[in-house]
């Protein structure tokens, strides 16, 4: 993540800053941001996310021991570390990602590509990241980091020298891609296909199509939508793109 003071970080997530001994509002967060305490390092920011199996608040102390400079928590924890108390840790993660990416974009040449589709997202992401690495510093998801936690964690890996951010967007419900892609308003949005994967959870393939269309709707005006010409449901998204001033490029036949 780009360096930010504790005060700036707390402001970005609308949190209350509870300083630990020796820290000040000007103390800098300069390392990675993650929900996994095992990945913490000096200068990092730990996000204590509640979960179905365990609760990240249990590991705030471990994050402190590993050198994390602060933790985002939903309630104060008895641990020797500065804490930023928020109402919703996952929401705070998203808010911080929005602020960080916006700052990097304003100050450099960051280009953002979003990818979605019922199949092929991770393979396409890996191929694209490998190509872009030869052109400049590239940030892309580890594994299939495409949900409300993984996508912001990936976004928060950008630095002032990052040239390309590749984001993979999955959808557990209608509105999810709109929320995630809306954090960064991609320059390019690629929709690979609309298939039967997760169609039952959405209530049918038409609802899946609507969910995937949200990426096209999130591309910034003047950007580009890359669409599958061989999938009629994806091809139909061209109208949405054109109405928003988004250019269309095709792959397929």
C-alpha atoms as a PDB file:
ATOM      1  CA  UNK A   1       0.000   0.000   0.000  1.00  0.00           C
ATOM      2  CA  UNK A   2       1.079   3.584  -0.445  1.00  0.00           C
ATOM      3  CA  UNK A   3       2.306   5.160   2.808  1.00  0.00           C
ATOM      4  CA  UNK A   4      -0.525   6.735   4.816  1.00  0.00           C
ATOM      5  CA  UNK A   5      -0.585   8.113   8.330  1.00  0.00           C
ATOM      6  CA  UNK A   6      -2.778   6.533  10.960  1.00  0.00           C
ATOM      7  CA  UNK A   7      -4.927   9.658  10.902  1.00  0.00           C
ATOM      8  CA  UNK A   8      -5.372   9.434   7.125  1.00  0.00           C
ATOM      9  CA  UNK A   9      -6.174   5.742   7.364  1.00  0.00           C
ATOM     10  CA  UNK A  10      -8.761   6.264  10.084  1.00  0.00           C
ATOM     11  CA  UNK A  11     -10.350   9.072   8.077  1.00  0.00           C
ATOM     12  CA  UNK A  12     -10.509   6.898   4.946  1.00  0.00           C
ATOM     13  CA  UNK A  13     -12.495   4.224   6.781  1.00  0.00           C
ATOM     14  CA  UNK A  14     -14.538   6.588   8.991  1.00  0.00           C
ATOM     15  CA  UNK A  15     -12.989   4.951  12.040  1.00  0.00           C
ATOM     16  CA  UNK A  16     -12.062   6.000  15.555  1.00  0.00           C
ATOM     17  CA  UNK A  17      -8.331   5.983  16.242  1.00  0.00           C
ATOM     18  CA  UNK A  18      -7.185   4.389  19.522  1.00  0.00           C
ATOM     19  CA  UNK A  19      -3.443   4.967  19.753  1.00  0.00           C
ATOM     20  CA  UNK A  20      -1.041   2.556  21.400  1.00  0.00           C
ATOM     21  CA  UNK A  21       1.926   3.821  23.414  1.00  0.00           C
ATOM     22  CA  UNK A  22       4.504   5.562  21.247  1.00  0.00           C
ATOM     23  CA  UNK A  23       2.260   5.965  18.212  1.00  0.00           C
ATOM     24  CA  UNK A  24       0.884   9.316  17.048  1.00  0.00           C
ATOM     25  CA  UNK A  25      -1.695  10.223  14.389  1.00  0.00           C
ATOM     26  CA  UNK A  26       1.285  10.839  12.083  1.00  0.00           C
ATOM     27  CA  UNK A  27       2.696   7.325  12.472  1.00  0.00           C
ATOM     28  CA  UNK A  28       2.841   5.795   8.998  1.00  0.00           C
ATOM     29  CA  UNK A  29       1.276   2.603   7.697  1.00  0.00           C
ATOM     30  CA  UNK A  30       3.659   1.460   4.986  1.00  0.00           C
ATOM     31  CA  UNK A  31       3.220  -2.291   4.532  1.00  0.00           C
ATOM     32  CA  UNK A  32       0.618  -4.644   3.181  1.00  0.00           C
ATOM     33  CA  UNK A  33      -3.038  -4.714   4.213  1.00  0.00           C
ATOM     34  CA  UNK A  34      -4.610  -8.109   4.806  1.00  0.00           C
ATOM     35  CA  UNK A  35      -7.073 -10.125   6.871  1.00  0.00           C
ATOM     36  CA  UNK A  36      -4.528 -12.915   7.413  1.00  0.00           C
ATOM     37  CA  UNK A  37      -2.395 -12.345  10.512  1.00  0.00           C
ATOM     38  CA  UNK A  38       0.154 -14.863   9.210  1.00  0.00           C
ATOM     39  CA  UNK A  39       1.083 -12.447   6.427  1.00  0.00           C
ATOM     40  CA  UNK A  40       1.770  -9.501   8.695  1.00  0.00           C
ATOM     41  CA  UNK A  41       5.122  -7.737   8.594  1.00  0.00           C
ATOM     42  CA  UNK A  42       6.578  -4.538  10.059  1.00  0.00           C
ATOM     43  CA  UNK A  43       4.485  -1.551   8.977  1.00  0.00           C
ATOM     44  CA  UNK A  44       1.492  -3.637   7.897  1.00  0.00           C
ATOM     45  CA  UNK A  45      -2.199  -3.073   8.622  1.00  0.00           C
ATOM     46  CA  UNK A  46      -4.275  -5.978   9.903  1.00  0.00           C
ATOM     47  CA  UNK A  47      -8.011  -6.095   9.237  1.00  0.00           C
ATOM     48  CA  UNK A  48      -9.826  -8.143  11.892  1.00  0.00           C
ATOM     49  CA  UNK A  49     -12.650  -9.628   9.860  1.00  0.00           C
ATOM     50  CA  UNK A  50     -15.312 -11.641  11.672  1.00  0.00           C
ATOM     51  CA  UNK A  51     -15.996 -14.976   9.984  1.00  0.00           C
ATOM     52  CA  UNK A  52     -18.239 -18.005  10.098  1.00  0.00           C
ATOM     53  CA  UNK A  53     -15.461 -20.289  11.354  1.00  0.00           C
ATOM     54  CA  UNK A  54     -13.248 -17.927  13.332  1.00  0.00           C
ATOM     55  CA  UNK A  55     -12.959 -14.254  14.209  1.00  0.00           C
ATOM     56  CA  UNK A  56     -10.065 -12.077  13.113  1.00  0.00           C
ATOM     57  CA  UNK A  57     -10.197 -10.236  16.428  1.00  0.00           C
ATOM     58  CA  UNK A  58      -8.634 -13.340  17.995  1.00  0.00           C
ATOM     59  CA  UNK A  59      -5.465 -12.718  15.986  1.00  0.00           C
ATOM     60  CA  UNK A  60      -4.895  -9.011  16.577  1.00  0.00           C
ATOM     61  CA  UNK A  61      -2.212  -9.871  19.132  1.00  0.00           C
ATOM     62  CA  UNK A  62      -0.451 -12.144  16.645  1.00  0.00           C
ATOM     63  CA  UNK A  63      -0.516  -9.352  14.061  1.00  0.00           C
ATOM     64  CA  UNK A  64       1.052  -7.010  16.613  1.00  0.00           C
ATOM     65  CA  UNK A  65       3.760  -9.553  17.416  1.00  0.00           C
ATOM     66  CA  UNK A  66       4.572  -9.802  13.695  1.00  0.00           C
ATOM     67  CA  UNK A  67       5.135  -6.047  13.468  1.00  0.00           C
ATOM     68  CA  UNK A  68       1.811  -4.715  12.196  1.00  0.00           C
ATOM     69  CA  UNK A  69       1.532  -1.016  12.981  1.00  0.00           C
ATOM     70  CA  UNK A  70      -2.253  -1.014  13.432  1.00  0.00           C
ATOM     71  CA  UNK A  71      -5.401  -3.102  13.230  1.00  0.00           C
ATOM     72  CA  UNK A  72      -8.852  -2.264  11.916  1.00  0.00           C
ATOM     73  CA  UNK A  73     -11.319  -3.749  14.389  1.00  0.00           C
ATOM     74  CA  UNK A  74     -15.058  -3.728  15.024  1.00  0.00           C
ATOM     75  CA  UNK A  75     -14.510  -3.508  18.772  1.00  0.00           C
ATOM     76  CA  UNK A  76     -11.426  -2.738  20.892  1.00  0.00           C
ATOM     77  CA  UNK A  77      -9.165  -5.701  21.618  1.00  0.00           C
ATOM     78  CA  UNK A  78      -6.739  -6.201  24.493  1.00  0.00           C
ATOM     79  CA  UNK A  79      -3.573  -6.183  22.384  1.00  0.00           C
ATOM     80  CA  UNK A  80      -0.456  -3.949  22.239  1.00  0.00           C
ATOM     81  CA  UNK A  81      -1.260  -2.236  18.948  1.00  0.00           C
ATOM     82  CA  UNK A  82      -2.979   0.894  17.669  1.00  0.00           C
ATOM     83  CA  UNK A  83      -6.548   0.121  16.664  1.00  0.00           C
ATOM     84  CA  UNK A  84      -8.966   1.816  14.278  1.00  0.00           C
ATOM     85  CA  UNK A  85     -12.491   0.984  15.392  1.00  0.00           C
ATOM     86  CA  UNK A  86     -15.117   0.765  12.650  1.00  0.00           C
ATOM     87  CA  UNK A  87     -18.684  -0.457  12.342  1.00  0.00           C
ATOM     88  CA  UNK A  88     -17.903  -2.979   9.590  1.00  0.00           C
ATOM     89  CA  UNK A  89     -14.374  -4.252   8.913  1.00  0.00           C
ATOM     90  CA  UNK A  90     -15.163  -5.535   5.408  1.00  0.00           C
ATOM     91  CA  UNK A  91     -16.743  -2.209   4.474  1.00  0.00           C
ATOM     92  CA  UNK A  92     -13.685  -0.433   5.860  1.00  0.00           C
ATOM     93  CA  UNK A  93     -11.443  -2.601   3.679  1.00  0.00           C
ATOM     94  CA  UNK A  94     -13.408  -1.496   0.615  1.00  0.00           C
ATOM     95  CA  UNK A  95     -13.379   2.162   1.629  1.00  0.00           C
ATOM     96  CA  UNK A  96      -9.623   2.096   2.124  1.00  0.00           C
ATOM     97  CA  UNK A  97      -9.116   0.438  -1.264  1.00  0.00           C
ATOM     98  CA  UNK A  98     -11.175   3.157  -2.954  1.00  0.00           C
ATOM     99  CA  UNK A  99      -9.103   5.929  -1.382  1.00  0.00           C
ATOM    100  CA  UNK A 100      -5.731   4.306  -2.058  1.00  0.00           C
ATOM    101  CA  UNK A 101      -6.448   3.494  -5.711  1.00  0.00           C
ATOM    102  CA  UNK A 102      -7.803   7.003  -6.311  1.00  0.00           C
ATOM    103  CA  UNK A 103      -4.620   8.540  -4.903  1.00  0.00           C
ATOM    104  CA  UNK A 104      -2.378   6.363  -7.034  1.00  0.00           C
ATOM    105  CA  UNK A 105      -4.458   7.075 -10.114  1.00  0.00           C
ATOM    106  CA  UNK A 106      -4.299  10.830  -9.548  1.00  0.00           C
ATOM    107  CA  UNK A 107      -0.558  10.795  -9.115  1.00  0.00           C
ATOM    108  CA  UNK A 108       0.591   8.415 -11.841  1.00  0.00           C
ATOM    109  CA  UNK A 109      -0.162   6.334 -14.905  1.00  0.00           C
ATOM    110  CA  UNK A 110      -2.245   3.598 -13.304  1.00  0.00           C
ATOM    111  CA  UNK A 111      -4.493   1.688 -15.700  1.00  0.00           C
ATOM    112  CA  UNK A 112      -7.128  -0.663 -14.329  1.00  0.00           C
ATOM    113  CA  UNK A 113      -8.555  -3.760 -15.990  1.00  0.00           C
ATOM    114  CA  UNK A 114     -11.562  -5.595 -14.567  1.00  0.00           C
ATOM    115  CA  UNK A 115     -12.436  -9.160 -15.536  1.00  0.00           C
ATOM    116  CA  UNK A 116     -15.611 -11.153 -14.937  1.00  0.00           C
ATOM    117  CA  UNK A 117     -17.403 -14.146 -16.418  1.00  0.00           C
ATOM    118  CA  UNK A 118     -19.008 -17.392 -15.394  1.00  0.00           C
ATOM    119  CA  UNK A 119     -15.824 -19.254 -16.355  1.00  0.00           C
ATOM    120  CA  UNK A 120     -12.252 -18.374 -17.247  1.00  0.00           C
ATOM    121  CA  UNK A 121     -11.673 -15.377 -14.966  1.00  0.00           C
ATOM    122  CA  UNK A 122      -8.596 -16.676 -13.182  1.00  0.00           C
ATOM    123  CA  UNK A 123      -6.926 -18.067 -16.302  1.00  0.00           C
ATOM    124  CA  UNK A 124      -7.514 -14.818 -18.178  1.00  0.00           C
ATOM    125  CA  UNK A 125      -6.245 -12.797 -15.215  1.00  0.00           C
ATOM    126  CA  UNK A 126      -3.057 -14.855 -15.062  1.00  0.00           C
ATOM    127  CA  UNK A 127      -2.398 -14.521 -18.787  1.00  0.00           C
ATOM    128  CA  UNK A 128      -3.046 -10.785 -18.796  1.00  0.00           C
ATOM    129  CA  UNK A 129      -0.890 -10.179 -15.737  1.00  0.00           C
ATOM    130  CA  UNK A 130       1.991 -12.059 -17.325  1.00  0.00           C
ATOM    131  CA  UNK A 131       1.742  -9.937 -20.480  1.00  0.00           C
ATOM    132  CA  UNK A 132       1.495  -6.645 -18.606  1.00  0.00           C
ATOM    133  CA  UNK A 133       4.449  -7.423 -16.325  1.00  0.00           C
ATOM    134  CA  UNK A 134       6.748  -6.793 -19.273  1.00  0.00           C
ATOM    135  CA  UNK A 135       5.271  -3.299 -19.680  1.00  0.00           C
ATOM    136  CA  UNK A 136       5.409  -2.101 -16.083  1.00  0.00           C
ATOM    137  CA  UNK A 137       4.737  -2.916 -12.443  1.00  0.00           C
ATOM    138  CA  UNK A 138       1.559  -4.995 -12.366  1.00  0.00           C
ATOM    139  CA  UNK A 139      -0.688  -5.951  -9.456  1.00  0.00           C
ATOM    140  CA  UNK A 140      -3.033  -8.910  -9.918  1.00  0.00           C
ATOM    141  CA  UNK A 141      -4.964 -11.155  -7.523  1.00  0.00           C
ATOM    142  CA  UNK A 142      -3.381 -14.082  -5.762  1.00  0.00           C
ATOM    143  CA  UNK A 143      -5.318 -17.235  -6.598  1.00  0.00           C
ATOM    144  CA  UNK A 144      -9.008 -16.353  -7.112  1.00  0.00           C
ATOM    145  CA  UNK A 145      -9.202 -13.225  -4.956  1.00  0.00           C
ATOM    146  CA  UNK A 146     -12.414 -11.903  -6.472  1.00  0.00           C
ATOM    147  CA  UNK A 147     -14.896 -11.368  -3.634  1.00  0.00           C
ATOM    148  CA  UNK A 148     -15.658  -8.541  -1.183  1.00  0.00           C
ATOM    149  CA  UNK A 149     -12.446  -9.321   0.730  1.00  0.00           C
ATOM    150  CA  UNK A 150     -10.040 -10.558  -1.926  1.00  0.00           C
ATOM    151  CA  UNK A 151     -10.719  -7.810  -4.471  1.00  0.00           C
ATOM    152  CA  UNK A 152     -10.007  -4.899  -2.071  1.00  0.00           C
ATOM    153  CA  UNK A 153      -6.966  -6.703  -0.625  1.00  0.00           C
ATOM    154  CA  UNK A 154      -5.588  -6.915  -4.168  1.00  0.00           C
ATOM    155  CA  UNK A 155      -6.375  -3.257  -4.869  1.00  0.00           C
ATOM    156  CA  UNK A 156      -4.502  -2.261  -1.724  1.00  0.00           C
ATOM    157  CA  UNK A 157      -1.280  -3.770  -3.072  1.00  0.00           C
ATOM    158  CA  UNK A 158      -0.854  -0.881  -5.526  1.00  0.00           C
ATOM    159  CA  UNK A 159       1.995   1.552  -4.957  1.00  0.00           C
ATOM    160  CA  UNK A 160       2.972   4.858  -6.510  1.00  0.00           C
ATOM    161  CA  UNK A 161       4.929   2.974  -9.177  1.00  0.00           C
ATOM    162  CA  UNK A 162       2.180   0.511 -10.142  1.00  0.00           C
ATOM    163  CA  UNK A 163       1.353   0.790 -13.833  1.00  0.00           C
ATOM    164  CA  UNK A 164      -1.402  -1.829 -14.119  1.00  0.00           C
ATOM    165  CA  UNK A 165      -3.999  -3.205 -11.723  1.00  0.00           C
ATOM    166  CA  UNK A 166      -5.816  -6.340 -12.865  1.00  0.00           C
ATOM    167  CA  UNK A 167      -8.952  -6.997 -10.815  1.00  0.00           C
ATOM    168  CA  UNK A 168     -11.035 -10.154 -10.955  1.00  0.00           C
ATOM    169  CA  UNK A 169     -14.687  -9.762  -9.976  1.00  0.00           C
ATOM    170  CA  UNK A 170     -16.890 -12.617  -8.837  1.00  0.00           C
ATOM    171  CA  UNK A 171     -20.557 -12.293  -7.963  1.00  0.00           C
ATOM    172  CA  UNK A 172     -22.448 -13.959  -5.151  1.00  0.00           C
ATOM    173  CA  UNK A 173     -25.500 -11.811  -5.816  1.00  0.00           C
ATOM    174  CA  UNK A 174     -26.789  -9.060  -8.073  1.00  0.00           C
ATOM    175  CA  UNK A 175     -25.110  -5.817  -7.088  1.00  0.00           C
ATOM    176  CA  UNK A 176     -21.832  -7.347  -5.915  1.00  0.00           C
ATOM    177  CA  UNK A 177     -19.838  -6.601  -9.084  1.00  0.00           C
ATOM    178  CA  UNK A 178     -21.245  -3.071  -9.128  1.00  0.00           C
ATOM    179  CA  UNK A 179     -19.936  -2.576  -5.596  1.00  0.00           C
ATOM    180  CA  UNK A 180     -16.486  -4.033  -6.254  1.00  0.00           C
ATOM    181  CA  UNK A 181     -15.878  -2.502  -9.685  1.00  0.00           C
ATOM    182  CA  UNK A 182     -17.276   0.773  -8.399  1.00  0.00           C
ATOM    183  CA  UNK A 183     -14.330   0.996  -6.016  1.00  0.00           C
ATOM    184  CA  UNK A 184     -11.959   1.550  -8.946  1.00  0.00           C
ATOM    185  CA  UNK A 185     -14.056   2.388 -12.067  1.00  0.00           C
ATOM    186  CA  UNK A 186     -11.929   0.301 -14.471  1.00  0.00           C
ATOM    187  CA  UNK A 187     -10.482   1.708 -17.677  1.00  0.00           C
ATOM    188  CA  UNK A 188     -11.166  -1.641 -19.325  1.00  0.00           C
ATOM    189  CA  UNK A 189     -13.802  -4.222 -18.454  1.00  0.00           C
ATOM    190  CA  UNK A 190     -13.711  -7.713 -19.962  1.00  0.00           C
ATOM    191  CA  UNK A 191     -16.750 -10.002 -19.812  1.00  0.00           C
ATOM    192  CA  UNK A 192     -15.793 -13.536 -20.819  1.00  0.00           C
ATOM    193  CA  UNK A 193     -19.094 -15.411 -20.820  1.00  0.00           C
ATOM    194  CA  UNK A 194     -22.466 -15.815 -19.142  1.00  0.00           C
ATOM    195  CA  UNK A 195     -22.973 -19.469 -18.294  1.00  0.00           C
ATOM    196  CA  UNK A 196     -24.893 -21.690 -15.941  1.00  0.00           C
ATOM    197  CA  UNK A 197     -22.319 -21.457 -13.149  1.00  0.00           C
ATOM    198  CA  UNK A 198     -24.097 -19.937 -10.132  1.00  0.00           C
ATOM    199  CA  UNK A 199     -27.247 -19.420 -12.207  1.00  0.00           C
ATOM    200  CA  UNK A 200     -29.280 -21.231  -9.571  1.00  0.00           C
ATOM    201  CA  UNK A 201     -28.088 -18.857  -6.888  1.00  0.00           C
ATOM    202  CA  UNK A 202     -28.973 -15.872  -9.029  1.00  0.00           C
ATOM    203  CA  UNK A 203     -32.395 -17.198  -9.964  1.00  0.00           C
ATOM    204  CA  UNK A 204     -31.596 -17.983 -13.588  1.00  0.00           C
ATOM    205  CA  UNK A 205     -29.166 -17.218 -16.379  1.00  0.00           C
ATOM    206  CA  UNK A 206     -30.881 -13.894 -17.127  1.00  0.00           C
ATOM    207  CA  UNK A 207     -30.062 -12.708 -13.623  1.00  0.00           C
ATOM    208  CA  UNK A 208     -26.482 -13.898 -14.112  1.00  0.00           C
ATOM    209  CA  UNK A 209     -26.332 -11.787 -17.267  1.00  0.00           C
ATOM    210  CA  UNK A 210     -27.567  -8.778 -15.319  1.00  0.00           C
ATOM    211  CA  UNK A 211     -24.890  -9.317 -12.677  1.00  0.00           C
ATOM    212  CA  UNK A 212     -22.085  -9.540 -15.246  1.00  0.00           C
ATOM    213  CA  UNK A 213     -23.380  -6.453 -17.061  1.00  0.00           C
ATOM    214  CA  UNK A 214     -22.554  -4.482 -13.930  1.00  0.00           C
ATOM    215  CA  UNK A 215     -18.884  -4.518 -14.926  1.00  0.00           C
ATOM    216  CA  UNK A 216     -19.678  -2.808 -18.237  1.00  0.00           C
ATOM    217  CA  UNK A 217     -21.762  -0.271 -16.331  1.00  0.00           C
ATOM    218  CA  UNK A 218     -18.804   0.442 -14.029  1.00  0.00           C
ATOM    219  CA  UNK A 219     -16.231   1.144 -16.761  1.00  0.00           C
ATOM    220  CA  UNK A 220     -15.382   4.826 -16.796  1.00  0.00           C
ATOM    221  CA  UNK A 221     -16.718   6.864 -19.750  1.00  0.00           C
ATOM    222  CA  UNK A 222     -14.106   6.865 -22.474  1.00  0.00           C
ATOM    223  CA  UNK A 223     -12.956   3.412 -21.407  1.00  0.00           C
ATOM    224  CA  UNK A 224     -13.296   0.110 -23.216  1.00  0.00           C
ATOM    225  CA  UNK A 225     -15.476  -2.972 -22.814  1.00  0.00           C
ATOM    226  CA  UNK A 226     -13.991  -6.205 -24.166  1.00  0.00           C
ATOM    227  CA  UNK A 227     -16.831  -8.581 -25.000  1.00  0.00           C
ATOM    228  CA  UNK A 228     -17.251 -12.149 -26.216  1.00  0.00           C
ATOM    229  CA  UNK A 229     -18.773 -12.046 -29.696  1.00  0.00           C
ATOM    230  CA  UNK A 230     -19.654 -15.751 -29.484  1.00  0.00           C
ATOM    231  CA  UNK A 231     -21.886 -15.373 -26.427  1.00  0.00           C
ATOM    232  CA  UNK A 232     -25.175 -13.609 -27.286  1.00  0.00           C
ATOM    233  CA  UNK A 233     -25.760 -12.597 -23.681  1.00  0.00           C
ATOM    234  CA  UNK A 234     -22.351 -10.934 -23.503  1.00  0.00           C
ATOM    235  CA  UNK A 235     -22.661  -9.418 -26.974  1.00  0.00           C
ATOM    236  CA  UNK A 236     -25.899  -7.755 -25.878  1.00  0.00           C
ATOM    237  CA  UNK A 237     -23.883  -5.722 -23.376  1.00  0.00           C
ATOM    238  CA  UNK A 238     -22.466  -3.663 -26.255  1.00  0.00           C
ATOM    239  CA  UNK A 239     -25.575  -1.486 -26.194  1.00  0.00           C
ATOM    240  CA  UNK A 240     -25.004  -0.685 -22.519  1.00  0.00           C
ATOM    241  CA  UNK A 241     -21.389   0.229 -23.254  1.00  0.00           C
ATOM    242  CA  UNK A 242     -22.222   2.464 -26.187  1.00  0.00           C
ATOM    243  CA  UNK A 243     -24.915   4.294 -24.218  1.00  0.00           C
ATOM    244  CA  UNK A 244     -22.281   5.156 -21.609  1.00  0.00           C
ATOM    245  CA  UNK A 245     -19.632   6.357 -24.041  1.00  0.00           C
ATOM    246  CA  UNK A 246     -17.584   3.195 -23.603  1.00  0.00           C
ATOM    247  CA  UNK A 247     -15.859   1.749 -26.672  1.00  0.00           C
ATOM    248  CA  UNK A 248     -16.416  -1.920 -27.512  1.00  0.00           C
ATOM    249  CA  UNK A 249     -13.756  -4.386 -28.588  1.00  0.00           C
ATOM    250  CA  UNK A 250     -14.596  -7.959 -29.445  1.00  0.00           C
ATOM    251  CA  UNK A 251     -12.954 -11.343 -29.104  1.00  0.00           C
ATOM    252  CA  UNK A 252     -14.208 -14.556 -30.660  1.00  0.00           C
ATOM    253  CA  UNK A 253     -15.218 -15.046 -34.222  1.00  0.00           C
END
